[in-house]
Protein backbone atom coordinates (compact mmCIF):
# COMPACT_ATOMS: atom_id res chain seq x y z
CA UNK A 1 54.41 30.65 -123.99
CA UNK A 2 51.68 30.85 -121.40
CA UNK A 3 49.71 34.08 -121.16
CA UNK A 4 49.35 35.73 -117.82
CA UNK A 5 45.91 35.43 -116.39
CA UNK A 6 44.67 38.32 -114.28
CA UNK A 7 41.57 36.57 -113.35
CA UNK A 8 43.46 33.77 -111.54
CA UNK A 9 45.59 36.36 -109.65
CA UNK A 10 42.49 38.26 -108.60
CA UNK A 11 40.78 35.08 -107.40
CA UNK A 12 43.87 34.07 -105.34
CA UNK A 13 44.09 37.49 -103.71
CA UNK A 14 40.30 37.40 -102.88
CA UNK A 15 40.77 33.88 -101.46
CA UNK A 16 43.60 35.05 -99.28
CA UNK A 17 41.56 37.92 -97.93
CA UNK A 18 38.75 35.73 -96.74
CA UNK A 19 41.03 34.41 -93.93
CA UNK A 20 40.25 36.43 -90.78
CA UNK A 21 43.92 36.56 -89.94
CA UNK A 22 44.87 37.98 -93.24
CA UNK A 23 42.04 40.51 -92.95
CA UNK A 24 43.29 41.71 -89.52
CA UNK A 25 46.80 41.97 -90.68
CA UNK A 26 45.71 44.09 -93.79
CA UNK A 27 43.70 46.40 -91.57
CA UNK A 28 46.65 46.89 -89.09
CA UNK A 29 48.97 47.51 -92.10
CA UNK A 30 46.58 50.13 -93.71
CA UNK A 31 46.14 51.89 -90.33
CA UNK A 32 49.88 52.14 -89.75
CA UNK A 33 50.38 53.33 -93.30
CA UNK A 34 47.64 56.00 -92.58
CA UNK A 35 49.41 57.22 -89.34
CA UNK A 36 52.75 57.43 -91.09
CA UNK A 37 51.51 59.34 -94.07
CA UNK A 38 48.92 61.67 -92.35
CA UNK A 39 50.33 65.05 -91.52
CA UNK A 40 49.81 66.31 -87.89
CA UNK A 41 46.87 68.39 -87.30
CA UNK A 42 47.01 71.83 -85.61
CA UNK A 43 45.49 70.42 -82.54
CA UNK A 44 48.22 67.81 -82.20
CA UNK A 45 50.80 70.58 -82.66
CA UNK A 46 49.06 72.82 -80.06
CA UNK A 47 48.69 70.07 -77.49
CA UNK A 48 52.42 69.32 -77.47
CA UNK A 49 53.98 72.56 -76.37
CA UNK A 50 57.48 73.28 -77.67
CA UNK A 51 59.79 74.25 -74.89
CA UNK A 52 61.51 77.43 -75.36
CA UNK A 53 65.23 76.97 -74.75
CA UNK A 54 66.69 79.33 -72.22
CA UNK A 55 69.59 81.53 -73.19
CA UNK A 56 72.97 80.42 -72.14
CA UNK A 57 73.78 81.45 -68.50
CA UNK A 58 76.44 83.92 -68.09
CA UNK A 59 79.44 82.72 -66.11
CA UNK A 60 79.35 83.31 -62.33
CA UNK A 61 80.23 81.58 -59.22
CA UNK A 62 77.49 80.42 -56.81
CA UNK A 63 77.23 80.04 -52.96
CA UNK A 64 75.33 77.00 -51.92
CA UNK A 65 72.30 79.34 -51.07
CA UNK A 66 72.33 80.78 -54.61
CA UNK A 67 72.57 77.33 -56.19
CA UNK A 68 69.40 76.28 -54.27
CA UNK A 69 67.46 78.83 -56.44
CA UNK A 70 68.15 76.78 -59.65
CA UNK A 71 66.20 73.62 -58.78
CA UNK A 72 63.89 73.65 -61.84
CA UNK A 73 61.04 75.23 -59.97
CA UNK A 74 62.38 78.78 -60.00
CA UNK A 75 64.44 81.00 -62.35
CA UNK A 76 62.55 80.04 -65.57
CA UNK A 77 62.93 76.43 -64.71
CA UNK A 78 66.81 76.41 -65.09
CA UNK A 79 68.50 73.49 -63.29
CA UNK A 80 72.12 73.89 -61.93
CA UNK A 81 74.10 71.03 -60.41
CA UNK A 82 77.46 71.26 -58.66
CA UNK A 83 79.99 68.44 -58.97
CA UNK A 84 83.36 68.57 -57.31
CA UNK A 85 83.16 72.36 -56.91
CA UNK A 86 82.07 73.13 -60.53
CA UNK A 87 78.55 74.20 -61.43
CA UNK A 88 76.84 72.89 -64.54
CA UNK A 89 73.67 73.94 -66.31
CA UNK A 90 71.80 70.73 -66.70
CA UNK A 91 68.53 72.25 -67.84
CA UNK A 92 68.62 70.36 -71.15
CA UNK A 93 68.54 67.12 -69.19
CA UNK A 94 65.49 68.17 -67.11
CA UNK A 95 63.78 64.78 -67.64
CA UNK A 96 66.62 63.37 -65.48
CA UNK A 97 67.16 66.29 -63.11
CA UNK A 98 63.94 68.15 -63.02
CA UNK A 99 61.40 68.23 -60.25
CA UNK A 100 60.09 64.70 -59.70
CA UNK A 101 62.63 63.00 -62.05
CA UNK A 102 64.95 60.20 -61.08
CA UNK A 103 67.78 62.46 -60.17
CA UNK A 104 65.73 65.53 -59.23
CA UNK A 105 67.16 65.39 -55.77
CA UNK A 106 70.37 66.86 -57.18
CA UNK A 107 68.76 69.95 -58.71
CA UNK A 108 70.03 73.18 -57.25
CA UNK A 109 72.49 71.32 -55.04
CA UNK A 110 76.03 69.98 -54.75
CA UNK A 111 75.55 66.53 -56.04
CA UNK A 112 79.18 65.49 -55.35
CA UNK A 113 78.46 63.33 -52.26
CA UNK A 114 75.48 61.62 -53.75
CA UNK A 115 77.20 60.80 -57.05
CA UNK A 116 80.31 59.48 -55.09
CA UNK A 117 78.35 57.25 -52.85
CA UNK A 118 75.64 56.27 -55.36
CA UNK A 119 72.98 57.69 -53.01
CA UNK A 120 69.90 59.58 -54.15
CA UNK A 121 68.57 60.61 -50.74
CA UNK A 122 68.36 64.04 -49.21
CA UNK A 123 70.19 62.93 -46.11
CA UNK A 124 73.34 62.26 -48.22
CA UNK A 125 73.16 65.54 -50.00
CA UNK A 126 73.96 68.40 -47.48
CA UNK A 127 72.32 71.79 -47.43
CA UNK A 128 75.52 73.56 -46.48
CA UNK A 129 78.98 73.56 -48.17
CA UNK A 130 80.48 70.09 -48.11
CA UNK A 131 84.23 69.78 -48.21
CA UNK A 132 84.00 66.07 -48.96
CA UNK A 133 87.08 65.44 -46.74
CA UNK A 134 85.51 62.26 -45.29
CA UNK A 135 85.11 60.45 -48.58
CA UNK A 136 87.24 57.40 -49.44
CA UNK A 137 89.66 57.58 -52.35
CA UNK A 138 87.33 55.21 -54.47
CA UNK A 139 84.42 57.55 -53.76
CA UNK A 140 86.40 60.58 -54.85
CA UNK A 141 87.39 58.80 -58.09
CA UNK A 142 83.83 58.04 -58.79
CA UNK A 143 82.83 61.59 -58.19
CA UNK A 144 85.59 62.80 -60.62
CA UNK A 145 84.18 60.33 -63.28
CA UNK A 146 80.77 62.08 -62.89
CA UNK A 147 82.42 65.43 -63.13
CA UNK A 148 83.99 64.40 -66.37
CA UNK A 149 80.73 63.23 -67.71
CA UNK A 150 79.00 66.44 -66.73
CA UNK A 151 81.74 68.61 -68.31
CA UNK A 152 81.40 66.67 -71.62
CA UNK A 153 77.48 66.86 -71.76
CA UNK A 154 76.55 70.15 -69.96
CA UNK A 155 77.67 73.75 -69.95
CA UNK A 156 80.10 74.76 -67.14
CA UNK A 157 78.63 78.04 -65.68
CA UNK A 158 81.00 78.69 -62.80
CA UNK A 159 82.41 77.38 -59.38
CA UNK A 160 80.75 76.55 -56.13
CA UNK A 161 82.12 78.90 -53.55
CA UNK A 162 83.51 77.86 -50.25
CA UNK A 163 82.29 79.84 -47.25
CA UNK A 164 84.11 83.22 -47.34
CA UNK A 165 85.53 82.72 -50.84
CA UNK A 166 85.31 85.58 -53.23
CA UNK A 167 83.67 84.91 -56.69
CA UNK A 168 85.84 84.96 -59.85
CA UNK A 169 85.31 87.96 -62.18
CA UNK A 170 84.43 86.29 -65.56
CA UNK A 171 83.94 89.54 -67.55
CA UNK A 172 87.07 89.00 -69.58
CA UNK A 173 86.29 85.28 -70.29
CA UNK A 174 84.41 84.30 -73.48
CA UNK A 175 81.10 82.58 -72.80
CA UNK A 176 81.74 80.08 -75.62
CA UNK A 177 85.06 78.85 -74.55
CA UNK A 178 85.69 77.43 -71.03
CA UNK A 179 88.47 78.91 -69.16
CA UNK A 180 90.72 75.91 -68.61
CA UNK A 181 92.30 77.20 -65.48
CA UNK A 182 88.90 77.46 -63.87
CA UNK A 183 88.08 73.93 -64.99
């Protein structure tokens, strides 16, 4: 039976390390291992502020003018979007809907027309109440699909009021369970 020679193993490892490519790979592996195993410093933690989550918004209905106040720049940065007459709190998706984000044009507005037509410009999204009566059936269906996605992902906070419409009294409705007749 042959005995195991540690000297031979050590010589082979040293020979392998003399290759520049092997040395580079070893250095990269050691650096990555260091980054993975090293705990974050206090400076790293301070430089990355943790966003305080806003309390859940109480149910209420909004006029189009009131909705404009929830564009991510006012009201503690809260972002509301209306889709098909329903208002959703999309603050947790601010990387999509916040100021300067890809869908930021929808923040504080009725996004129904823009979602139905796949348009992200301010000309498509009206500043006054939009009854959507001129949309094609295919566009209305697309808007309903978006409404469904919003209702599954974001909190329903109320309705978008038509001009002259009175708001609903939500005082007897639980904030944790949506009122199905309002949806």
